[in-house]
Every structure is written in structure tokens, then in C-alpha cells.
Protein backbone atom coordinates (compact mmCIF):
# COMPACT_ATOMS: atom_id res chain seq x y z
CA MET A 1 0.00 0.00 0.00
CA GLY A 2 1.32 3.45 -0.90
CA TYR A 3 0.48 6.88 0.49
CA LEU A 4 1.05 10.48 -0.58
CA VAL A 5 0.48 13.05 2.18
CA SER A 6 0.42 16.85 2.05
CA GLY A 7 0.74 18.71 5.36
CA ALA A 8 2.38 15.72 7.05
CA THR A 9 4.56 17.95 9.23
CA GLY A 10 1.58 20.05 10.35
CA PHE A 11 -0.28 19.59 13.61
CA ILE A 12 -2.65 16.81 12.52
CA GLY A 13 -0.15 15.25 10.12
CA ARG A 14 2.49 14.75 12.81
CA PHE A 15 0.07 12.44 14.63
CA LEU A 16 -1.45 10.82 11.53
CA ILE A 17 1.85 9.51 10.13
CA PRO A 18 2.53 7.25 13.18
CA GLU A 19 -0.96 5.80 12.71
CA LEU A 20 -0.27 5.07 9.04
CA LEU A 21 3.05 3.49 9.97
CA LYS A 22 1.12 0.81 11.84
CA ARG A 23 0.03 -0.40 8.39
CA GLU A 24 1.99 -1.74 5.43
CA GLY A 25 3.43 0.42 2.68
CA ASP A 26 5.58 3.44 1.92
CA ILE A 27 4.50 6.95 2.90
CA HIS A 28 5.51 9.75 0.55
CA VAL A 29 5.45 13.18 2.21
CA LEU A 30 5.22 16.41 0.25
CA VAL A 31 8.02 18.74 1.40
CA ARG A 32 8.32 22.29 0.10
CA PRO A 33 11.65 23.48 -1.31
CA GLY A 34 13.81 25.32 1.21
CA ALA A 35 15.91 24.57 4.26
CA GLU A 36 13.16 25.35 6.78
CA SER A 37 10.73 22.78 5.36
CA ALA A 38 13.50 20.22 4.97
CA ASP A 39 14.59 20.71 8.58
CA ARG A 40 11.01 20.37 9.81
CA PHE A 41 10.63 17.11 7.91
CA THR A 42 13.91 15.81 9.34
CA CYS A 43 12.78 16.56 12.89
CA CYS A 44 9.40 14.93 12.34
CA ALA A 45 10.91 11.87 10.64
CA ARG A 46 13.12 11.37 13.69
CA GLU A 47 9.99 11.35 15.90
CA TRP A 48 8.13 9.00 13.57
CA ALA A 49 10.93 6.44 13.56
CA GLY A 50 9.63 5.01 10.31
CA GLY A 51 13.00 4.38 8.73
CA ASP A 52 12.97 4.66 4.94
CA ARG A 53 9.21 4.03 4.83
CA VAL A 54 8.59 7.79 5.16
CA ARG A 55 10.07 9.43 2.08
CA PRO A 56 10.17 13.15 1.26
CA VAL A 57 8.90 14.29 -2.12
CA ARG A 58 10.00 17.76 -3.17
CA GLY A 59 6.91 19.74 -4.16
CA ASP A 60 4.86 22.86 -3.62
CA LEU A 61 1.08 23.26 -3.39
CA GLY A 62 1.40 26.56 -5.20
CA ALA A 63 2.77 24.97 -8.37
CA PRO A 64 0.86 23.14 -11.11
CA GLY A 65 1.46 19.42 -10.69
CA LEU A 66 2.73 20.39 -7.22
CA GLY A 67 6.07 20.98 -8.90
CA ILE A 68 6.85 17.28 -8.50
CA ASP A 69 9.43 15.77 -10.84
CA PRO A 70 7.48 14.21 -13.76
CA SER A 71 9.67 11.11 -13.55
CA TRP A 72 8.47 10.57 -9.96
CA LEU A 73 4.86 10.83 -11.09
CA ALA A 74 5.44 8.34 -13.89
CA GLU A 75 7.26 5.93 -11.60
CA HIS A 76 4.47 5.94 -9.00
CA ARG A 77 1.49 5.85 -11.32
CA GLY A 78 -0.81 3.10 -10.06
CA SER A 79 1.11 2.56 -6.80
CA ILE A 80 -0.49 5.27 -4.62
CA ASP A 81 -3.53 3.84 -2.88
CA HIS A 82 -4.31 6.83 -0.64
CA VAL A 83 -3.71 10.56 -1.02
CA PHE A 84 -4.20 12.59 2.17
CA HIS A 85 -4.60 16.35 1.79
CA LEU A 86 -3.98 17.97 5.18
CA ALA A 87 -2.19 21.16 4.12
CA SER A 88 -4.46 24.17 4.26
CA SER A 89 -2.45 27.39 4.49
CA TYR A 90 -2.07 27.82 0.73
CA ASP A 91 -5.78 27.20 0.15
CA SER A 92 -6.63 29.93 2.64
CA ALA A 93 -4.57 32.45 0.68
CA GLU A 94 -5.40 31.34 -2.85
CA ARG A 95 -9.00 30.10 -2.75
CA GLY A 96 -8.38 26.41 -3.28
CA ASP A 97 -5.47 26.42 -5.73
CA GLY A 98 -3.45 24.08 -3.51
CA THR A 99 -6.28 21.55 -3.51
CA ARG A 100 -6.72 21.92 -7.26
CA HIS A 101 -3.05 21.14 -7.85
CA LEU A 102 -3.13 18.18 -5.49
CA VAL A 103 -6.22 16.73 -7.18
CA GLU A 104 -4.42 17.01 -10.53
CA VAL A 105 -1.53 14.96 -9.16
CA ALA A 106 -3.84 12.39 -7.56
CA GLU A 107 -5.50 11.91 -10.94
CA GLN A 108 -2.14 11.69 -12.75
CA VAL A 109 -0.91 8.88 -10.50
CA ASN A 110 -4.30 7.18 -10.69
CA ALA A 111 -4.65 7.22 -6.90
CA GLY A 112 -7.09 4.82 -5.34
CA LEU A 113 -8.74 7.25 -2.93
CA LEU A 114 -8.45 10.95 -2.12
CA HIS A 115 -8.85 11.98 1.53
CA HIS A 116 -9.48 15.69 2.04
CA VAL A 117 -9.32 17.25 5.50
CA SER A 118 -11.68 20.22 5.50
CA THR A 119 -13.36 21.90 8.49
CA VAL A 120 -16.83 22.34 9.96
CA GLU A 121 -16.33 26.03 9.18
CA VAL A 122 -17.73 25.37 5.70
CA ALA A 123 -21.10 25.66 7.46
CA GLY A 124 -20.49 29.41 7.59
CA ALA A 125 -23.29 31.32 9.28
CA THR A 126 -25.79 28.44 9.06
CA GLU A 127 -28.19 28.27 11.98
CA GLY A 128 -29.56 25.05 13.45
CA LEU A 129 -28.26 21.59 12.55
CA PHE A 130 -25.56 21.16 9.88
CA THR A 131 -25.33 17.53 8.80
CA GLU A 132 -22.51 15.57 7.20
CA ASP A 133 -24.52 15.35 3.99
CA MET A 134 -24.89 19.14 3.71
CA PHE A 135 -22.50 21.24 1.64
CA ASP A 136 -23.79 24.02 -0.58
CA GLU A 137 -26.87 25.18 1.27
CA GLY A 138 -26.62 28.84 0.29
CA GLN A 139 -24.90 29.58 3.61
CA THR A 140 -23.16 32.90 4.17
CA LEU A 141 -19.38 32.46 4.36
CA THR A 142 -18.13 35.31 6.51
CA THR A 143 -14.36 34.76 6.60
CA PRO A 144 -11.62 34.12 4.02
CA ILE A 145 -10.91 30.73 5.64
CA GLN A 146 -14.54 29.65 5.30
CA ARG A 147 -14.61 30.69 1.64
CA ALA A 148 -11.30 28.96 0.87
CA LYS A 149 -12.33 25.73 2.61
CA PHE A 150 -15.68 25.75 0.84
CA GLU A 151 -13.98 26.16 -2.53
CA ALA A 152 -11.50 23.38 -1.72
CA GLU A 153 -14.35 21.00 -0.91
CA ARG A 154 -16.08 21.93 -4.17
CA ILE A 155 -12.93 21.03 -6.10
CA VAL A 156 -12.63 17.65 -4.35
CA ARG A 157 -16.27 16.83 -4.97
CA LYS A 158 -15.75 17.36 -8.71
CA ALA A 159 -12.56 15.27 -8.81
CA GLY A 160 -12.37 12.39 -11.25
CA LEU A 161 -11.47 9.83 -8.59
CA PRO A 162 -13.08 8.45 -5.40
CA TRP A 163 -12.96 10.79 -2.41
CA ARG A 164 -13.80 11.11 1.26
CA ILE A 165 -14.03 14.40 3.15
CA TYR A 166 -13.36 14.90 6.86
CA ARG A 167 -14.49 18.01 8.75
CA PRO A 168 -12.85 18.42 12.17
CA SER A 169 -14.13 21.05 14.56
CA ILE A 170 -11.60 23.07 16.61
CA VAL A 171 -8.55 20.81 17.02
CA ILE A 172 -6.73 21.26 20.33
CA GLY A 173 -3.92 19.44 22.12
CA HIS A 174 -3.33 15.74 22.66
CA SER A 175 -5.76 14.25 25.20
CA ARG A 176 -3.02 12.35 27.06
CA THR A 177 -0.12 14.82 26.87
CA GLY A 178 -1.70 18.19 26.04
CA GLU A 179 0.86 18.63 23.24
CA ILE A 180 0.34 21.39 20.65
CA ASP A 181 2.65 22.98 18.10
CA ARG A 182 0.87 26.32 17.66
CA ILE A 183 -1.41 28.79 19.43
CA ASP A 184 -4.86 28.87 17.90
CA GLY A 185 -8.56 28.99 18.74
CA PRO A 186 -9.30 28.78 22.49
CA TYR A 187 -5.61 29.12 23.38
CA TYR A 188 -5.86 32.83 22.62
CA PHE A 189 -8.06 33.18 25.70
CA PHE A 190 -5.63 31.41 28.04
CA ARG A 191 -3.52 34.49 28.76
CA LEU A 192 -6.68 36.40 29.62
CA LEU A 193 -7.75 33.62 32.00
CA ARG A 194 -4.32 33.63 33.61
CA MET A 195 -4.62 37.36 34.21
CA GLY A 196 -8.09 36.74 35.66
CA ALA A 197 -6.51 34.61 38.36
CA GLN A 198 -5.57 37.90 40.06
CA LEU A 199 -9.28 38.59 40.66
CA PRO A 200 -11.30 37.21 43.59
CA ARG A 201 -12.78 33.87 42.44
CA ILE A 202 -16.01 34.67 44.21
CA LEU A 203 -16.72 37.40 41.66
CA PRO A 204 -17.95 36.13 38.26
CA VAL A 205 -16.82 37.77 35.03
CA LEU A 206 -19.84 39.01 33.08
CA VAL A 207 -19.51 38.45 29.32
CA PRO A 208 -21.78 38.56 26.27
CA LYS A 209 -23.49 35.36 25.18
CA LEU A 210 -20.77 33.69 23.14
CA GLY A 211 -22.75 30.83 21.62
CA GLU A 212 -21.61 27.23 21.12
CA THR A 213 -18.20 25.75 20.50
CA ASN A 214 -16.87 22.30 19.64
CA MET A 215 -13.37 21.02 20.41
CA VAL A 216 -11.64 17.71 19.72
CA PRO A 217 -8.13 16.52 20.68
CA VAL A 218 -5.62 15.97 17.89
CA ASP A 219 -5.09 12.30 18.76
CA PHE A 220 -8.80 11.59 18.22
CA VAL A 221 -8.64 13.26 14.81
CA ALA A 222 -5.54 11.31 13.75
CA ARG A 223 -6.88 7.94 14.88
CA ALA A 224 -10.29 8.58 13.34
CA LEU A 225 -8.73 9.63 10.03
CA ASN A 226 -6.62 6.49 9.89
CA HIS A 227 -9.58 4.21 10.63
CA LEU A 228 -12.15 5.93 8.40
CA ALA A 229 -9.74 6.14 5.46
CA HIS A 230 -9.22 2.39 5.37
CA LEU A 231 -12.84 1.27 5.65
CA PRO A 232 -14.04 -0.65 2.58
CA GLY A 233 -16.67 1.99 1.80
CA PRO A 234 -18.63 3.93 0.85
CA ASN A 235 -16.81 6.70 -1.01
CA GLY A 236 -18.25 10.13 -1.72
CA THR A 237 -18.86 10.38 2.04
CA THR A 238 -18.29 13.22 4.50
CA TYR A 239 -17.38 12.65 8.14
CA HIS A 240 -17.70 15.24 10.92
CA LEU A 241 -14.86 14.76 13.41
CA VAL A 242 -16.60 16.57 16.24
CA ASP A 243 -17.57 16.15 19.87
CA PRO A 244 -21.17 14.87 19.83
CA ARG A 245 -21.76 16.66 23.16
CA ARG A 246 -22.95 20.24 22.71
CA GLN A 247 -21.15 22.85 24.81
CA SER A 248 -21.16 26.63 25.06
CA VAL A 249 -18.02 28.72 24.71
CA ALA A 250 -18.39 29.87 28.32
CA GLU A 251 -18.72 26.28 29.62
CA ALA A 252 -15.56 25.25 27.77
CA LEU A 253 -13.53 28.27 28.88
CA ASN A 254 -14.66 27.80 32.47
CA LEU A 255 -12.96 24.40 32.52
CA PHE A 256 -9.70 26.23 31.79
CA ALA A 257 -10.61 29.04 34.21
CA ASP A 258 -10.69 26.38 36.94
CA GLU A 259 -7.14 25.36 36.01
CA ALA A 260 -6.03 29.00 36.00
CA GLY A 261 -7.67 29.72 39.35
CA ALA A 262 -9.72 32.43 37.65
CA PRO A 263 -13.37 33.41 38.18
CA HIS A 264 -15.99 31.79 35.97
CA LEU A 265 -17.42 33.54 32.93
CA VAL A 266 -21.14 34.20 33.22
CA GLU A 267 -23.04 35.04 30.05
CA VAL A 268 -25.53 37.81 30.73
CA MET A 269 -25.40 40.20 27.78
CA PRO A 270 -26.61 39.80 24.19
CA LYS A 271 -23.94 39.29 21.53
CA ARG A 272 -24.47 42.78 20.13
CA THR A 273 -23.01 44.11 23.39
CA LEU A 274 -19.67 42.58 22.36
CA ASP A 275 -19.88 44.37 19.03
CA MET A 276 -20.44 47.65 20.90
CA VAL A 277 -17.48 46.96 23.19
CA LEU A 278 -15.22 46.39 20.20
CA GLN A 279 -16.10 49.88 18.94
CA VAL A 280 -14.88 51.55 22.13
CA PRO A 281 -11.71 53.60 21.45
CA GLY A 282 -8.71 51.64 22.61
CA ALA A 283 -10.32 48.19 22.42
CA SER A 284 -8.32 47.28 19.32
CA TRP A 285 -5.14 48.26 21.20
CA VAL A 286 -5.94 46.36 24.40
CA LEU A 287 -7.13 43.03 22.99
CA PRO A 288 -3.87 41.93 21.32
CA ARG A 289 -1.98 42.79 24.50
CA VAL A 290 -3.99 40.29 26.51
CA GLY A 291 -3.49 37.65 23.84
CA VAL A 292 -6.87 37.79 22.06
CA PRO A 293 -6.80 39.00 18.43
CA ARG A 294 -9.94 40.92 17.52
CA ASP A 295 -10.94 38.48 14.77
CA VAL A 296 -10.84 35.62 17.29
CA LEU A 297 -13.37 37.44 19.46
CA GLU A 298 -15.56 38.20 16.47
CA HIS A 299 -15.59 34.55 15.36
CA SER A 300 -15.44 32.78 18.71
CA GLU A 301 -18.59 30.74 18.21
CA PHE A 302 -20.50 28.46 15.88
CA THR A 303 -24.00 29.53 14.91
CA CYS A 304 -25.00 25.90 14.35
CA TRP A 305 -24.28 22.45 15.73
CA PHE A 306 -22.99 19.44 13.86
CA ASP A 307 -24.43 16.02 13.15
CA CYS A 308 -21.88 13.16 13.16
CA ARG A 309 -23.97 10.07 12.35
CA ASN A 310 -21.65 8.81 9.61
CA THR A 311 -18.64 9.08 11.91
CA THR A 312 -20.38 7.55 14.92
CA ALA A 313 -21.58 4.55 12.91
CA ALA A 314 -18.17 4.00 11.30
CA LEU A 315 -16.33 4.16 14.65
CA ALA A 316 -18.92 2.20 16.63
CA ALA A 317 -16.88 -1.02 16.79
CA THR A 318 -13.68 0.76 17.87
CA ASP A 319 -12.39 2.51 20.98
CA ILE A 320 -11.95 5.75 19.01
CA LYS A 321 -14.14 8.24 20.87
CA VAL A 322 -13.98 11.93 21.73
CA PRO A 323 -13.16 12.13 25.45
CA PRO A 324 -15.09 14.70 27.52
CA LEU A 325 -13.20 18.00 27.53
CA ALA A 326 -13.41 18.12 31.33
CA GLY A 327 -11.27 14.98 31.48
CA TYR A 328 -8.26 16.36 29.62
CA ALA A 329 -8.57 20.14 30.07
CA PRO A 330 -6.03 20.00 32.94
CA LEU A 331 -3.46 18.44 30.58
CA ILE A 332 -4.16 21.06 27.91
CA TRP A 333 -3.64 23.86 30.42
CA LYS A 334 -0.54 22.26 31.96
CA TYR A 335 1.19 21.85 28.57
CA TRP A 336 0.41 25.46 27.65
CA ILE A 337 1.72 26.79 30.96
CA GLU A 338 4.93 24.75 30.77
CA ASN A 339 5.75 25.31 27.09
CA TRP A 340 4.08 28.48 25.80
CA VAL A 341 4.02 31.04 28.62
């Protein structure tokens, strides 16, 4: 069995490769030209301990044909069973061009199955339930990332080879170690919570109603991807890699407030109050200095919740489950405190 993986040295990819190494076959990893990308691959390969089974392929998502040597493409035609597309940064900047180039290569090598890692953010501003079978529902896409991810999914759905799409929610640290390799999503609020520890815990912090959130640990995503990708069928299927338990932003952040020794957030104001606060002179200066970029505050919630029936059914016979956030929030906080403060 042969694999071609983009984004293998990214957050999800670093944990997916060890899962793939539990199976037979060579794993070809797309590595951009340049010393920085090469060094990152070398460091990851050392962690993976896969020997010569993990092989770098020089290429770039920004180039037609990924810039891969045509002789490599010819040599591997018919030998790549699975193509995993995890890289997303180029898509976000160029409205899906990275995905378009990767699909071209997957078709050239006659890949068996294309696995595209998208995001639940393709739901945009949808309200109510957003199912795994929904895609183009006329939803409003309010951010560049949402528009880029939507376009990337559209390209995959029109590909001339079998595909499966996976939509994780907010991916946070490892559920057993807390490990992360970047600050994103809820982590932007951690510095604010740490500052809140200076306040009396008996006094709640009044905040606008922040809506719902959904978080999953990276190890769940990696294990689920590995299992779902190798099921015998069906193709043309979308899987939501989400926590089936609904939770508000305030409930989630309060788990970390407990770790910080900070007062709990209490939602008492309508969301429009937050919009008014952001218009106050000086707000745009203060927010970055407490670790919360303004756009994170403006898009800190989901306006819908996510069905995961396909995923639940496909994982039913396994031990691959999303653990309750309360169970591993202490590890997430501990890793952040020890490595990122």
C-alpha cells in the first residue's frame, strides 16, 4: 500500500503519520523546497521512527502538478492507494489552488482514494443543525478561511477519482499529553484567563453570550482519520470529526478558568453588546496585548451544531471516541503553561 500526504509535518499530520506506519506500505510526504521545510521534515521523521518508509517528495502546493518531478509521477502511477490532503495554508490564501493542484496529481498517479481534511467552518453562518450530507446550502461564508475551505471541498467533490471528506471542529492538544505545536482557537483566551486569576474567584466575570463551541483533541482526529480512510466503503462520504456533546463557549472556557484559578465567565449580555465593546476607542489596542486577536473574538462561536452520524456509525466497533473535555482540560492547560508562557 502506498500513500502520498500533504501537510504531514503540520499539527494533525504529525500524529497521523505514526498511525499510518502501523500499516503496510511506503509513505511519501510532500516537502516544500527550502531549508526550513527540509529541517522540519527531518525533525518529524526522527519522531516518527519510520526508517525509509517515510520518504520526502519535493513539491509545492502553489505549483501546477505540485512541482513534482514528472519522472516521480510516472514511476508511481498506479502505486499510490491513498492521497491525504492535510495542508491548508495555501488554500486559505489562494482560494483552493493548492487543492486543485493536489487533485491534478492524484488523478495523474491514478490514486485509489483521495482523503481531504476540511473543516466544519464550511457551514459558515448556518443556523440550526448542519449535517454531514450538507455542503452548498446557500450559507453565508463570513471569513476568508470559510470561503477557501468551501472552494476546496467543491474542487474535491468534482474530482475524477473516489474521495472522502473529513471536517474536524476546533482541534486542540493531545488528550493524554496536552501537546500542541501552535497557538490557535481557544488558546488565545488562556492568557486572559491567567490574568483573571488575580481577581477574587467569588466574583464572576460578566460576558456577552458567546454561543456554542466544539473542540476535539488531535489524537482523536488522527486515529479517526486512519480508521475511516481504510474502511471498505462507501466513497463520496463526508465525516464530521466533532464532539457529539454540545457545549457553550463559556462552559468550555470555564474548565480552563478552573485550572487557572480564575473566576468563571457568566453570560448575561446579548452578543451585540460585544460588538459595541469592540467599537470603544482603545479596544483594538488592548485586545492583542492580553493575547486575544480581535478576529478571534468576532468569530469565537458556531452559529450551528454538527451532526456526526456517519462518523459515529463507522467508529462504533472501535475505541476511538472523543473524550469529555473536562477529562483532559487540565493536561491542555498544563502543557500550555509549561511550554508556551
